[in-house]
C-alpha atoms as a PDB file:
ATOM      1  CA  UNK A   1      94.309  95.604  76.851  1.00  0.00           C
ATOM      2  CA  UNK A   2      90.294  95.886  76.426  1.00  0.00           C
ATOM      3  CA  UNK A   3      88.512  99.344  75.539  1.00  0.00           C
ATOM      4  CA  UNK A   4      85.126 100.280  76.425  1.00  0.00           C
ATOM      5  CA  UNK A   5      83.461 102.463  74.238  1.00  0.00           C
ATOM      6  CA  UNK A   6      80.785 104.965  75.763  1.00  0.00           C
ATOM      7  CA  UNK A   7      78.243 107.037  74.042  1.00  0.00           C
ATOM      8  CA  UNK A   8      78.322 110.749  74.843  1.00  0.00           C
ATOM      9  CA  UNK A   9      74.443 110.019  76.723  1.00  0.00           C
ATOM     10  CA  UNK A  10      75.905 107.572  78.799  1.00  0.00           C
ATOM     11  CA  UNK A  11      79.159 109.753  79.515  1.00  0.00           C
ATOM     12  CA  UNK A  12      76.394 112.643  80.601  1.00  0.00           C
ATOM     13  CA  UNK A  13      74.072 109.970  82.410  1.00  0.00           C
ATOM     14  CA  UNK A  14      77.250 109.116  84.673  1.00  0.00           C
ATOM     15  CA  UNK A  15      78.299 112.736  84.690  1.00  0.00           C
ATOM     16  CA  UNK A  16      75.141 113.370  86.591  1.00  0.00           C
ATOM     17  CA  UNK A  17      75.167 110.425  88.902  1.00  0.00           C
ATOM     18  CA  UNK A  18      77.048 112.916  91.376  1.00  0.00           C
ATOM     19  CA  UNK A  19      74.888 114.637  94.130  1.00  0.00           C
ATOM     20  CA  UNK A  20      73.533 117.872  92.868  1.00  0.00           C
ATOM     21  CA  UNK A  21      72.076 120.530  95.475  1.00  0.00           C
ATOM     22  CA  UNK A  22      69.551 122.461  94.736  1.00  0.00           C
ATOM     23  CA  UNK A  23      69.581 126.321  96.376  1.00  0.00           C
ATOM     24  CA  UNK A  24      65.605 127.170  97.523  1.00  0.00           C
ATOM     25  CA  UNK A  25      66.131 130.938  96.562  1.00  0.00           C
ATOM     26  CA  UNK A  26      62.446 132.035  96.852  1.00  0.00           C
ATOM     27  CA  UNK A  27      61.086 135.183  94.270  1.00  0.00           C
ATOM     28  CA  UNK A  28      58.096 137.307  95.827  1.00  0.00           C
ATOM     29  CA  UNK A  29      55.252 135.268  95.763  1.00  0.00           C
ATOM     30  CA  UNK A  30      52.783 137.252  97.996  1.00  0.00           C
ATOM     31  CA  UNK A  31      48.901 138.219  98.100  1.00  0.00           C
ATOM     32  CA  UNK A  32      49.318 140.169  94.960  1.00  0.00           C
ATOM     33  CA  UNK A  33      51.332 137.860  92.884  1.00  0.00           C
ATOM     34  CA  UNK A  34      48.841 134.906  93.989  1.00  0.00           C
ATOM     35  CA  UNK A  35      45.692 136.930  92.559  1.00  0.00           C
ATOM     36  CA  UNK A  36      47.345 137.662  89.008  1.00  0.00           C
ATOM     37  CA  UNK A  37      48.227 133.763  88.847  1.00  0.00           C
ATOM     38  CA  UNK A  38      44.932 132.993  89.760  1.00  0.00           C
ATOM     39  CA  UNK A  39      43.535 135.684  87.266  1.00  0.00           C
ATOM     40  CA  UNK A  40      45.937 134.112  84.641  1.00  0.00           C
ATOM     41  CA  UNK A  41      44.420 130.644  85.136  1.00  0.00           C
ATOM     42  CA  UNK A  42      41.150 131.675  84.794  1.00  0.00           C
ATOM     43  CA  UNK A  43      41.567 133.924  81.582  1.00  0.00           C
ATOM     44  CA  UNK A  44      44.086 132.772  79.268  1.00  0.00           C
ATOM     45  CA  UNK A  45      43.018 128.915  80.320  1.00  0.00           C
ATOM     46  CA  UNK A  46      39.081 129.187  81.338  1.00  0.00           C
ATOM     47  CA  UNK A  47      40.242 126.787  84.842  1.00  0.00           C
ATOM     48  CA  UNK A  48      38.699 128.258  87.749  1.00  0.00           C
ATOM     49  CA  UNK A  49      41.183 127.762  90.796  1.00  0.00           C
ATOM     50  CA  UNK A  50      41.151 128.497  94.601  1.00  0.00           C
ATOM     51  CA  UNK A  51      45.135 128.150  94.932  1.00  0.00           C
ATOM     52  CA  UNK A  52      47.246 128.409  91.354  1.00  0.00           C
ATOM     53  CA  UNK A  53      48.562 124.897  91.786  1.00  0.00           C
ATOM     54  CA  UNK A  54      49.713 122.520  88.595  1.00  0.00           C
ATOM     55  CA  UNK A  55      50.241 119.306  88.208  1.00  0.00           C
ATOM     56  CA  UNK A  56      53.305 118.917  86.082  1.00  0.00           C
ATOM     57  CA  UNK A  57      53.103 117.122  82.474  1.00  0.00           C
ATOM     58  CA  UNK A  58      56.084 118.444  81.860  1.00  0.00           C
ATOM     59  CA  UNK A  59      59.368 120.323  81.279  1.00  0.00           C
ATOM     60  CA  UNK A  60      60.353 123.267  79.429  1.00  0.00           C
ATOM     61  CA  UNK A  61      63.657 124.421  79.540  1.00  0.00           C
ATOM     62  CA  UNK A  62      64.544 128.235  78.153  1.00  0.00           C
ATOM     63  CA  UNK A  63      67.677 130.554  78.280  1.00  0.00           C
ATOM     64  CA  UNK A  64      67.571 133.885  80.284  1.00  0.00           C
ATOM     65  CA  UNK A  65      69.387 136.099  77.530  1.00  0.00           C
ATOM     66  CA  UNK A  66      70.365 137.824  80.747  1.00  0.00           C
ATOM     67  CA  UNK A  67      74.372 137.909  81.699  1.00  0.00           C
ATOM     68  CA  UNK A  68      74.087 136.787  85.497  1.00  0.00           C
ATOM     69  CA  UNK A  69      72.340 135.495  88.105  1.00  0.00           C
ATOM     70  CA  UNK A  70      71.939 138.407  89.899  1.00  0.00           C
ATOM     71  CA  UNK A  71      69.896 140.343  87.022  1.00  0.00           C
ATOM     72  CA  UNK A  72      68.000 136.957  86.008  1.00  0.00           C
ATOM     73  CA  UNK A  73      66.638 136.918  89.728  1.00  0.00           C
ATOM     74  CA  UNK A  74      65.708 140.454  89.315  1.00  0.00           C
ATOM     75  CA  UNK A  75      63.758 139.981  86.424  1.00  0.00           C
ATOM     76  CA  UNK A  76      61.793 137.477  87.355  1.00  0.00           C
ATOM     77  CA  UNK A  77      61.232 138.734  91.428  1.00  0.00           C
ATOM     78  CA  UNK A  78      58.608 141.440  91.022  1.00  0.00           C
ATOM     79  CA  UNK A  79      54.776 140.207  90.757  1.00  0.00           C
ATOM     80  CA  UNK A  80      53.874 142.196  88.193  1.00  0.00           C
ATOM     81  CA  UNK A  81      55.581 142.635  84.594  1.00  0.00           C
ATOM     82  CA  UNK A  82      57.838 145.650  83.707  1.00  0.00           C
ATOM     83  CA  UNK A  83      56.539 147.744  81.390  1.00  0.00           C
ATOM     84  CA  UNK A  84      59.356 146.609  79.092  1.00  0.00           C
ATOM     85  CA  UNK A  85      57.762 143.392  77.954  1.00  0.00           C
ATOM     86  CA  UNK A  86      54.825 144.899  75.790  1.00  0.00           C
ATOM     87  CA  UNK A  87      54.829 141.717  73.164  1.00  0.00           C
ATOM     88  CA  UNK A  88      53.124 139.783  76.191  1.00  0.00           C
ATOM     89  CA  UNK A  89      51.440 142.801  78.638  1.00  0.00           C
ATOM     90  CA  UNK A  90      48.448 141.924  76.439  1.00  0.00           C
ATOM     91  CA  UNK A  91      47.702 138.716  77.809  1.00  0.00           C
ATOM     92  CA  UNK A  92      47.986 139.533  81.345  1.00  0.00           C
ATOM     93  CA  UNK A  93      49.701 141.914  84.205  1.00  0.00           C
ATOM     94  CA  UNK A  94      51.524 138.685  85.719  1.00  0.00           C
ATOM     95  CA  UNK A  95      55.228 138.691  85.702  1.00  0.00           C
ATOM     96  CA  UNK A  96      57.073 135.796  83.979  1.00  0.00           C
ATOM     97  CA  UNK A  97      58.882 133.501  86.357  1.00  0.00           C
ATOM     98  CA  UNK A  98      60.344 130.265  86.401  1.00  0.00           C
ATOM     99  CA  UNK A  99      60.519 127.277  88.495  1.00  0.00           C
ATOM    100  CA  UNK A 100      64.318 126.746  88.708  1.00  0.00           C
ATOM    101  CA  UNK A 101      67.251 129.272  87.023  1.00  0.00           C
ATOM    102  CA  UNK A 102      70.494 127.504  86.290  1.00  0.00           C
ATOM    103  CA  UNK A 103      73.944 129.718  87.006  1.00  0.00           C
ATOM    104  CA  UNK A 104      76.585 128.906  84.422  1.00  0.00           C
ATOM    105  CA  UNK A 105      78.505 127.408  86.829  1.00  0.00           C
ATOM    106  CA  UNK A 106      75.511 124.175  86.924  1.00  0.00           C
ATOM    107  CA  UNK A 107      74.412 125.939  90.407  1.00  0.00           C
ATOM    108  CA  UNK A 108      70.680 124.901  91.104  1.00  0.00           C
ATOM    109  CA  UNK A 109      68.108 127.583  92.802  1.00  0.00           C
ATOM    110  CA  UNK A 110      64.362 126.563  92.842  1.00  0.00           C
ATOM    111  CA  UNK A 111      62.933 130.216  92.761  1.00  0.00           C
ATOM    112  CA  UNK A 112      59.059 128.553  93.644  1.00  0.00           C
ATOM    113  CA  UNK A 113      57.517 125.100  94.504  1.00  0.00           C
ATOM    114  CA  UNK A 114      57.382 123.045  91.829  1.00  0.00           C
ATOM    115  CA  UNK A 115      53.560 122.514  91.524  1.00  0.00           C
ATOM    116  CA  UNK A 116      52.477 126.356  91.343  1.00  0.00           C
ATOM    117  CA  UNK A 117      52.101 127.759  88.080  1.00  0.00           C
ATOM    118  CA  UNK A 118      55.135 130.125  86.722  1.00  0.00           C
ATOM    119  CA  UNK A 119      54.674 131.958  84.005  1.00  0.00           C
ATOM    120  CA  UNK A 120      57.052 131.089  81.089  1.00  0.00           C
ATOM    121  CA  UNK A 121      55.530 129.500  78.338  1.00  0.00           C
ATOM    122  CA  UNK A 122      52.170 130.373  76.323  1.00  0.00           C
ATOM    123  CA  UNK A 123      49.056 127.584  76.471  1.00  0.00           C
ATOM    124  CA  UNK A 124      51.065 125.362  78.779  1.00  0.00           C
ATOM    125  CA  UNK A 125      51.745 126.882  82.367  1.00  0.00           C
ATOM    126  CA  UNK A 126      49.010 125.017  83.823  1.00  0.00           C
ATOM    127  CA  UNK A 127      51.298 121.596  83.584  1.00  0.00           C
ATOM    128  CA  UNK A 128      55.215 122.617  83.314  1.00  0.00           C
ATOM    129  CA  UNK A 129      57.987 123.071  85.329  1.00  0.00           C
ATOM    130  CA  UNK A 130      59.923 126.236  83.592  1.00  0.00           C
ATOM    131  CA  UNK A 131      63.641 125.915  83.833  1.00  0.00           C
ATOM    132  CA  UNK A 132      65.753 129.139  83.052  1.00  0.00           C
ATOM    133  CA  UNK A 133      69.463 129.056  82.226  1.00  0.00           C
ATOM    134  CA  UNK A 134      71.375 131.861  83.051  1.00  0.00           C
ATOM    135  CA  UNK A 135      73.005 133.510  79.496  1.00  0.00           C
ATOM    136  CA  UNK A 136      72.576 132.126  76.081  1.00  0.00           C
ATOM    137  CA  UNK A 137      73.874 134.949  73.847  1.00  0.00           C
ATOM    138  CA  UNK A 138      77.012 134.607  71.807  1.00  0.00           C
ATOM    139  CA  UNK A 139      78.816 136.659  74.263  1.00  0.00           C
ATOM    140  CA  UNK A 140      77.549 134.219  77.191  1.00  0.00           C
ATOM    141  CA  UNK A 141      76.394 130.952  75.575  1.00  0.00           C
ATOM    142  CA  UNK A 142      75.533 128.250  78.165  1.00  0.00           C
ATOM    143  CA  UNK A 143      77.588 125.828  79.498  1.00  0.00           C
ATOM    144  CA  UNK A 144      78.404 122.113  79.832  1.00  0.00           C
ATOM    145  CA  UNK A 145      77.924 122.759  83.742  1.00  0.00           C
ATOM    146  CA  UNK A 146      74.581 123.740  82.895  1.00  0.00           C
ATOM    147  CA  UNK A 147      73.776 120.895  80.829  1.00  0.00           C
ATOM    148  CA  UNK A 148      74.638 118.503  82.665  1.00  0.00           C
ATOM    149  CA  UNK A 149      72.396 120.768  85.751  1.00  0.00           C
ATOM    150  CA  UNK A 150      69.685 120.551  83.364  1.00  0.00           C
ATOM    151  CA  UNK A 151      69.646 116.690  82.941  1.00  0.00           C
ATOM    152  CA  UNK A 152      69.957 115.782  86.490  1.00  0.00           C
ATOM    153  CA  UNK A 153      67.307 118.232  86.882  1.00  0.00           C
ATOM    154  CA  UNK A 154      65.325 116.225  84.935  1.00  0.00           C
ATOM    155  CA  UNK A 155      66.150 113.306  86.465  1.00  0.00           C
ATOM    156  CA  UNK A 156      65.077 114.508  89.607  1.00  0.00           C
ATOM    157  CA  UNK A 157      61.651 115.933  88.729  1.00  0.00           C
ATOM    158  CA  UNK A 158      61.137 112.866  86.542  1.00  0.00           C
ATOM    159  CA  UNK A 159      61.138 110.888  89.668  1.00  0.00           C
ATOM    160  CA  UNK A 160      59.389 113.058  92.118  1.00  0.00           C
ATOM    161  CA  UNK A 161      56.285 113.934  89.577  1.00  0.00           C
ATOM    162  CA  UNK A 162      54.358 111.832  86.345  1.00  0.00           C
ATOM    163  CA  UNK A 163      56.415 114.096  83.740  1.00  0.00           C
ATOM    164  CA  UNK A 164      55.642 113.112  80.261  1.00  0.00           C
ATOM    165  CA  UNK A 165      58.116 115.252  77.909  1.00  0.00           C
ATOM    166  CA  UNK A 166      61.233 117.765  78.294  1.00  0.00           C
ATOM    167  CA  UNK A 167      60.724 120.525  75.510  1.00  0.00           C
ATOM    168  CA  UNK A 168      62.812 123.915  74.801  1.00  0.00           C
ATOM    169  CA  UNK A 169      60.674 126.421  74.777  1.00  0.00           C
ATOM    170  CA  UNK A 170      61.328 126.896  71.087  1.00  0.00           C
ATOM    171  CA  UNK A 171      58.854 123.714  70.869  1.00  0.00           C
ATOM    172  CA  UNK A 172      55.876 124.576  72.587  1.00  0.00           C
ATOM    173  CA  UNK A 173      53.627 125.457  69.445  1.00  0.00           C
ATOM    174  CA  UNK A 174      53.886 121.436  68.639  1.00  0.00           C
ATOM    175  CA  UNK A 175      51.350 121.043  71.275  1.00  0.00           C
ATOM    176  CA  UNK A 176      48.858 123.361  70.026  1.00  0.00           C
ATOM    177  CA  UNK A 177      46.520 120.258  68.752  1.00  0.00           C
ATOM    178  CA  UNK A 178      46.968 118.462  71.797  1.00  0.00           C
ATOM    179  CA  UNK A 179      44.815 118.327  74.820  1.00  0.00           C
ATOM    180  CA  UNK A 180      47.652 120.157  77.203  1.00  0.00           C
ATOM    181  CA  UNK A 181      47.234 123.192  74.984  1.00  0.00           C
ATOM    182  CA  UNK A 182      44.606 125.526  77.021  1.00  0.00           C
ATOM    183  CA  UNK A 183      45.418 129.040  75.694  1.00  0.00           C
ATOM    184  CA  UNK A 184      42.460 130.482  74.467  1.00  0.00           C
ATOM    185  CA  UNK A 185      43.465 133.570  71.968  1.00  0.00           C
ATOM    186  CA  UNK A 186      44.835 132.321  68.923  1.00  0.00           C
ATOM    187  CA  UNK A 187      46.896 135.457  67.740  1.00  0.00           C
ATOM    188  CA  UNK A 188      48.614 135.039  71.530  1.00  0.00           C
ATOM    189  CA  UNK A 189      51.634 133.501  70.077  1.00  0.00           C
ATOM    190  CA  UNK A 190      55.617 134.606  70.487  1.00  0.00           C
ATOM    191  CA  UNK A 191      58.874 133.083  68.124  1.00  0.00           C
ATOM    192  CA  UNK A 192      61.078 131.123  70.365  1.00  0.00           C
ATOM    193  CA  UNK A 193      64.578 129.655  69.624  1.00  0.00           C
ATOM    194  CA  UNK A 194      65.647 128.915  73.347  1.00  0.00           C
ATOM    195  CA  UNK A 195      67.660 127.065  74.395  1.00  0.00           C
ATOM    196  CA  UNK A 196      68.608 125.877  71.220  1.00  0.00           C
ATOM    197  CA  UNK A 197      67.974 122.912  68.962  1.00  0.00           C
ATOM    198  CA  UNK A 198      71.635 121.210  70.294  1.00  0.00           C
ATOM    199  CA  UNK A 199      71.275 121.812  73.850  1.00  0.00           C
ATOM    200  CA  UNK A 200      67.917 120.117  73.401  1.00  0.00           C
ATOM    201  CA  UNK A 201      69.584 117.393  71.659  1.00  0.00           C
ATOM    202  CA  UNK A 202      72.250 116.671  74.068  1.00  0.00           C
ATOM    203  CA  UNK A 203      69.432 117.111  77.010  1.00  0.00           C
ATOM    204  CA  UNK A 204      67.482 114.246  75.014  1.00  0.00           C
ATOM    205  CA  UNK A 205      70.645 112.388  74.997  1.00  0.00           C
ATOM    206  CA  UNK A 206      71.213 112.169  78.203  1.00  0.00           C
ATOM    207  CA  UNK A 207      67.484 111.718  79.801  1.00  0.00           C
ATOM    208  CA  UNK A 208      66.804 108.894  77.286  1.00  0.00           C
ATOM    209  CA  UNK A 209      66.923 106.375  80.108  1.00  0.00           C
ATOM    210  CA  UNK A 210      63.275 108.115  81.245  1.00  0.00           C
ATOM    211  CA  UNK A 211      61.857 107.152  78.274  1.00  0.00           C
ATOM    212  CA  UNK A 212      59.522 110.240  77.872  1.00  0.00           C
ATOM    213  CA  UNK A 213      57.503 110.565  74.977  1.00  0.00           C
ATOM    214  CA  UNK A 214      58.417 112.373  71.953  1.00  0.00           C
ATOM    215  CA  UNK A 215      57.153 115.269  70.340  1.00  0.00           C
ATOM    216  CA  UNK A 216      53.959 115.290  69.085  1.00  0.00           C
ATOM    217  CA  UNK A 217      53.509 115.785  65.118  1.00  0.00           C
ATOM    218  CA  UNK A 218      50.944 118.317  64.813  1.00  0.00           C
ATOM    219  CA  UNK A 219      53.186 120.957  62.445  1.00  0.00           C
END
């Protein structure tokens, strides 16, 4: 009898090969959000544009630390930043958001077009597609279904765009000394741990065949 031993990465690739559906569930993107997005691009990055569009070069993975899909969606839906986010309010009134939201069961929701800027990562929003995962706490850990969906989504986005990197939010400051980094305020930083080292290792294992670039060794 012959036995075939597959790596974890190969098993993840096989499990992600099934057809997945992206459910379009747009957040509010009205004239106010457009104006705030253009203001953010100009003031944070020095990019004066007529439309808040981006050229995606990376995918940034996050967790919401919010236990439900509904509350996670609500956190991103309004155009203006809520009062309970004072730590980032000084950098603009535009609310945080992401392009995709992945529920605990692995369902992928598209919140906004991939080539429109979302505010989800300091210094890199002008080139980054954001993927938020519902949960991320001890009580509501990220799931295997979310892992599989994140791997599939990276593969899907790589096929559509010239994506060079997939990173976790916790890794964003590694890009400070690279040409991709555009944040003008040297003091505007936040400490992030999402979506966790273990999750990122598994995503990278599952997307190894895409030959994405390694993280820059700037720190």
